[in-house]
Amino acid sequence: MSIAKNTSAIRTFSMKDSKCLSPMALSPVSRTNKTGWVKLHFKWIVWWSFWTTLMLLGLALAQWQWARAAEKTQIEQALLSAPVIVQPQTAPPSWSKVSLTGEFLAAETLWLDNRIYQGQLGVAVLTPLMTDQNQWWLVQRGFIPTSVDRRIDPVVETPSGKVTLAGRWQTDLGRQLVLGVNREGARLQSIDLMAWQHLGDRVFEGVIHQTEGDGVLQPWWTPNQMPPERHQAYAVQWLMLSGLCVFVAVLGFRVMSKEARRES
């Protein structure tokens, strides 16, 4: 009898104990749920990082285009208010209209390579001009078409004796990215006064883009290759793309959140 009672008591205690422990056994998050939670949050981090990076890139490019537009606007204003200077003895302000008298140094002519004018390949002719004050100026005389065969040197006529010319003075030569050496023979990839350093240091840092006078060729150069309005349009496009990135990011996050709640 005592053995039966003890056995019954043990069974009763085991059943009660299991009922008490069952909520505790189910309350902790299972290892599978923890793994899913980590994967979900990692997915969200990657999602927001990707779209945030694109948004910030769009904003940076928009800011850059606005700055370029402001720069081009300043150049246009400077061109309109630029002074006219005849035979300057000191370095003129950038974009000034400069008139000079002197002699072309024809033997010192070099070619600014890979210029395009109205769809035609050619070069810009660079010839130093020596004034009576023993001051030399670099003159960009204009465009001439050339053969696609680089072994054929361009040919240009240069007036001798006293000449008078006029053009726009540019101080910021805007160094271009050059792959390899800048000078190959008589061809330059970008304007660099060091190519004429043997003429002495009596030269102002800049170049005259000739528009009229003796020895002028086909004018092709313009200070603004792209108007400010186009830069502003590009800036608006980048801003719109940044806004689109925000919209897609928020929309995608909401969709992923709904799917996560349904699966949980």
Protein backbone atom coordinates (compact mmCIF):
# COMPACT_ATOMS: atom_id res chain seq x y z
CA MET A 1 0.00 0.00 0.00
CA SER A 2 2.76 2.44 0.94
CA ILE A 3 4.63 1.65 -2.25
CA ALA A 4 1.52 2.36 -4.36
CA LYS A 5 0.92 5.67 -2.54
CA ASN A 6 4.52 6.76 -3.09
CA THR A 7 4.33 5.87 -6.77
CA SER A 8 1.10 7.86 -7.14
CA ALA A 9 2.63 10.84 -5.38
CA ILE A 10 5.66 10.78 -7.61
CA ARG A 11 3.47 10.71 -10.73
CA THR A 12 1.35 13.61 -9.41
CA PHE A 13 4.48 15.69 -8.65
CA SER A 14 5.97 14.99 -12.09
CA MET A 15 2.80 16.13 -13.87
CA LYS A 16 2.61 19.33 -11.80
CA ASP A 17 6.30 20.03 -12.29
CA SER A 18 6.04 19.64 -16.04
CA LYS A 19 3.09 22.06 -16.16
CA CYS A 20 5.08 24.60 -14.20
CA LEU A 21 8.17 24.26 -16.38
CA SER A 22 6.44 24.25 -19.77
CA PRO A 23 5.98 28.09 -20.02
CA MET A 24 9.59 28.58 -19.03
CA ALA A 25 10.73 26.15 -21.68
CA LEU A 26 8.81 28.00 -24.43
CA SER A 27 9.66 31.60 -23.47
CA PRO A 28 13.32 31.94 -24.66
CA VAL A 29 13.87 32.80 -28.36
CA SER A 30 15.00 29.72 -30.21
CA ARG A 31 18.33 29.60 -31.96
CA THR A 32 16.56 29.59 -35.33
CA ASN A 33 14.64 32.76 -34.51
CA LYS A 34 17.81 34.46 -33.35
CA THR A 35 19.53 33.63 -36.63
CA GLY A 36 16.59 34.98 -38.59
CA TRP A 37 16.59 38.17 -36.53
CA VAL A 38 20.30 38.74 -37.21
CA LYS A 39 19.89 38.11 -40.94
CA LEU A 40 16.93 40.48 -41.13
CA HIS A 41 18.77 43.33 -39.42
CA PHE A 42 21.87 42.75 -41.51
CA LYS A 43 19.67 42.96 -44.61
CA TRP A 44 18.22 46.25 -43.38
CA ILE A 45 21.68 47.67 -42.69
CA VAL A 46 22.89 46.77 -46.20
CA TRP A 47 19.68 48.18 -47.71
CA TRP A 48 19.91 51.55 -45.97
CA SER A 49 23.68 51.82 -46.51
CA PHE A 50 23.29 51.26 -50.25
CA TRP A 51 20.53 53.79 -50.82
CA THR A 52 22.03 56.35 -48.43
CA THR A 53 25.31 56.18 -50.33
CA LEU A 54 23.53 56.77 -53.64
CA MET A 55 21.56 59.66 -52.17
CA LEU A 56 24.69 61.35 -50.78
CA LEU A 57 26.48 60.83 -54.09
CA GLY A 58 23.61 62.50 -55.94
CA LEU A 59 23.66 65.45 -53.53
CA ALA A 60 27.43 65.83 -53.93
CA LEU A 61 27.17 65.81 -57.72
CA ALA A 62 24.32 68.31 -57.61
CA GLN A 63 26.42 70.62 -55.43
CA TRP A 64 29.34 70.27 -57.85
CA GLN A 65 27.11 71.21 -60.80
CA TRP A 66 25.76 74.25 -58.93
CA ALA A 67 29.35 75.36 -58.24
CA ARG A 68 30.26 74.91 -61.92
CA ALA A 69 27.22 76.95 -62.94
CA ALA A 70 28.25 79.76 -60.57
CA GLU A 71 31.79 79.66 -61.97
CA LYS A 72 30.54 79.89 -65.56
CA THR A 73 28.24 82.77 -64.62
CA GLN A 74 31.21 84.66 -63.13
CA ILE A 75 33.18 84.11 -66.33
CA GLU A 76 30.32 85.46 -68.46
CA GLN A 77 30.09 88.55 -66.25
CA ALA A 78 33.86 89.02 -66.41
CA LEU A 79 33.78 88.83 -70.21
CA LEU A 80 31.11 91.53 -70.38
CA SER A 81 32.99 93.87 -68.05
CA ALA A 82 36.52 93.05 -69.24
CA PRO A 83 38.75 96.08 -69.98
CA VAL A 84 40.41 96.78 -73.31
CA ILE A 85 44.19 97.12 -72.88
CA VAL A 86 46.63 98.19 -75.58
CA GLN A 87 50.24 97.06 -75.30
CA PRO A 88 50.07 96.23 -71.57
CA GLN A 89 53.26 96.55 -69.54
CA THR A 90 51.94 94.54 -66.60
CA ALA A 91 49.93 91.34 -66.47
CA PRO A 92 46.37 92.20 -67.54
CA PRO A 93 43.33 90.84 -65.69
CA SER A 94 41.99 87.56 -66.95
CA TRP A 95 39.56 87.79 -69.89
CA SER A 96 40.80 91.25 -70.83
CA LYS A 97 40.69 92.29 -74.47
CA VAL A 98 44.35 92.76 -75.28
CA SER A 99 45.90 94.47 -78.31
CA LEU A 100 49.59 93.89 -79.07
CA THR A 101 52.20 94.89 -81.62
CA GLY A 102 55.33 92.84 -82.15
CA GLU A 103 56.90 90.10 -84.24
CA PHE A 104 55.85 86.46 -84.43
CA LEU A 105 58.58 83.94 -83.65
CA ALA A 106 57.55 81.56 -86.43
CA ALA A 107 60.28 79.03 -85.68
CA GLU A 108 58.88 78.62 -82.15
CA THR A 109 55.41 77.57 -83.32
CA LEU A 110 53.96 74.48 -81.63
CA TRP A 111 50.65 72.68 -82.07
CA LEU A 112 48.00 72.16 -79.43
CA ASP A 113 47.00 68.66 -80.42
CA ASN A 114 43.63 66.88 -80.70
CA ARG A 115 41.36 69.88 -81.16
CA ILE A 116 37.90 69.45 -82.67
CA TYR A 117 36.11 72.18 -84.61
CA GLN A 118 32.78 71.53 -86.31
CA GLY A 119 33.44 67.81 -86.25
CA GLN A 120 36.87 68.12 -87.87
CA LEU A 121 40.12 67.00 -86.28
CA GLY A 122 42.95 69.50 -86.12
CA VAL A 123 45.32 71.52 -83.99
CA ALA A 124 45.46 74.98 -82.48
CA VAL A 125 48.47 77.03 -83.57
CA LEU A 126 50.61 78.40 -80.72
CA THR A 127 53.12 81.07 -81.76
CA PRO A 128 55.05 83.38 -79.39
CA LEU A 129 54.97 87.11 -80.10
CA MET A 130 57.96 89.31 -79.13
CA THR A 131 57.25 92.98 -78.44
CA ASP A 132 59.63 95.95 -78.64
CA GLN A 133 59.93 95.83 -74.85
CA ASN A 134 61.57 92.40 -75.17
CA GLN A 135 58.47 90.88 -73.61
CA TRP A 136 57.06 87.76 -75.23
CA TRP A 137 53.46 86.61 -75.21
CA LEU A 138 52.03 83.24 -76.15
CA VAL A 139 49.38 83.62 -78.85
CA GLN A 140 46.84 80.94 -79.71
CA ARG A 141 46.18 81.97 -83.31
CA GLY A 142 43.32 79.60 -84.14
CA PHE A 143 42.40 76.22 -85.56
CA ILE A 144 43.69 74.43 -88.65
CA PRO A 145 42.56 70.97 -89.82
CA THR A 146 45.13 68.20 -89.97
CA SER A 147 45.52 64.71 -91.34
CA VAL A 148 44.67 61.73 -89.16
CA ASP A 149 48.20 60.54 -89.90
CA ARG A 150 50.26 62.06 -87.10
CA ARG A 151 53.44 61.56 -89.10
CA ILE A 152 52.34 64.44 -91.33
CA ASP A 153 53.17 67.74 -89.65
CA PRO A 154 50.70 70.65 -89.96
CA VAL A 155 51.64 73.55 -92.22
CA VAL A 156 50.76 77.15 -91.46
CA GLU A 157 51.87 80.53 -92.78
CA THR A 158 53.12 83.07 -90.27
CA PRO A 159 53.46 86.74 -91.23
CA SER A 160 56.90 88.24 -90.79
CA GLY A 161 57.83 91.68 -89.55
CA LYS A 162 55.68 93.90 -87.37
CA VAL A 163 52.18 92.63 -86.75
CA THR A 164 49.25 93.87 -84.72
CA LEU A 165 46.71 91.55 -83.20
CA ALA A 166 43.96 91.42 -80.60
CA GLY A 167 42.35 88.71 -78.53
CA ARG A 168 41.17 87.48 -75.15
CA TRP A 169 43.71 87.06 -72.37
CA GLN A 170 43.37 83.88 -70.29
CA THR A 171 45.42 83.43 -67.13
CA ASP A 172 43.94 80.15 -65.90
CA LEU A 173 45.31 77.70 -68.43
CA GLY A 174 43.27 74.87 -66.95
CA ARG A 175 45.81 72.07 -66.90
CA GLN A 176 44.31 68.99 -68.49
CA LEU A 177 44.85 65.38 -67.53
CA VAL A 178 47.73 64.17 -69.69
CA LEU A 179 48.46 60.49 -70.20
CA GLY A 180 52.16 60.15 -70.79
CA VAL A 181 54.38 63.08 -71.76
CA ASN A 182 52.83 66.45 -72.55
CA ARG A 183 55.04 67.13 -75.55
CA GLU A 184 55.64 64.84 -78.51
CA GLY A 185 57.77 66.56 -81.11
CA ALA A 186 56.06 69.86 -81.91
CA ARG A 187 52.71 68.74 -80.46
CA LEU A 188 51.41 69.61 -76.98
CA GLN A 189 48.57 67.89 -75.18
CA SER A 190 47.95 70.97 -73.01
CA ILE A 191 49.33 74.51 -72.97
CA ASP A 192 52.47 74.78 -70.87
CA LEU A 193 54.79 77.79 -71.05
CA MET A 194 57.71 75.56 -70.08
CA ALA A 195 57.83 74.50 -73.72
CA TRP A 196 59.23 77.99 -74.49
CA GLN A 197 61.34 78.51 -71.37
CA HIS A 198 64.43 79.06 -73.51
CA LEU A 199 62.91 82.39 -74.61
CA GLY A 200 63.48 83.79 -71.14
CA ASP A 201 61.30 84.63 -68.18
CA ARG A 202 59.97 87.94 -69.50
CA VAL A 203 56.51 86.48 -70.04
CA PHE A 204 53.18 86.68 -68.24
CA GLU A 205 51.53 83.44 -67.18
CA GLY A 206 48.71 83.06 -69.69
CA VAL A 207 47.78 82.92 -73.36
CA ILE A 208 46.12 85.29 -75.80
CA HIS A 209 43.34 83.72 -77.84
CA GLN A 210 43.60 85.76 -81.02
CA THR A 211 40.33 86.93 -82.55
CA GLU A 212 41.56 89.48 -85.10
CA GLY A 213 44.66 90.98 -86.67
CA ASP A 214 47.64 89.69 -88.61
CA GLY A 215 48.12 85.93 -88.69
CA VAL A 216 44.72 85.07 -87.25
CA LEU A 217 43.35 81.66 -88.24
CA GLN A 218 39.96 80.07 -87.62
CA PRO A 219 38.78 81.13 -84.11
CA TRP A 220 37.48 78.11 -82.22
CA TRP A 221 38.14 78.72 -78.54
CA THR A 222 35.39 79.78 -76.14
CA PRO A 223 35.80 80.31 -72.38
CA ASN A 224 32.56 78.45 -71.65
CA GLN A 225 32.32 75.11 -73.37
CA MET A 226 29.05 74.54 -71.50
CA PRO A 227 26.60 77.33 -70.51
CA PRO A 228 25.58 77.80 -66.85
CA GLU A 229 22.00 76.77 -67.63
CA ARG A 230 23.11 73.28 -68.61
CA HIS A 231 25.04 72.85 -65.36
CA GLN A 232 21.94 73.95 -63.45
CA ALA A 233 19.81 71.42 -65.35
CA TYR A 234 22.26 68.67 -64.45
CA ALA A 235 22.14 69.75 -60.81
CA VAL A 236 18.33 69.47 -60.78
CA GLN A 237 18.58 66.00 -62.31
CA TRP A 238 20.95 64.84 -59.58
CA LEU A 239 18.65 66.25 -56.90
CA MET A 240 15.70 64.40 -58.40
CA LEU A 241 17.70 61.17 -58.45
CA SER A 242 18.60 61.68 -54.79
CA GLY A 243 14.92 62.13 -53.96
CA LEU A 244 14.11 58.98 -55.92
CA CYS A 245 16.68 57.07 -53.87
CA VAL A 246 14.96 58.15 -50.65
CA PHE A 247 11.56 57.10 -52.00
CA VAL A 248 12.77 53.67 -53.12
CA ALA A 249 14.62 53.12 -49.83
CA VAL A 250 11.57 53.90 -47.69
CA LEU A 251 9.20 51.91 -49.91
CA GLY A 252 11.49 48.88 -49.96
CA PHE A 253 11.97 49.02 -46.18
CA ARG A 254 8.20 49.00 -45.61
CA VAL A 255 7.76 46.01 -47.91
CA MET A 256 10.54 44.07 -46.17
CA SER A 257 9.09 44.93 -42.74
CA LYS A 258 5.65 43.60 -43.71
CA GLU A 259 7.16 40.38 -45.02
CA ALA A 260 9.17 39.95 -41.81
CA ARG A 261 6.02 40.37 -39.66
CA ARG A 262 4.12 37.79 -41.72
CA GLU A 263 6.95 35.27 -41.38
CA SER A 264 7.31 35.76 -37.60
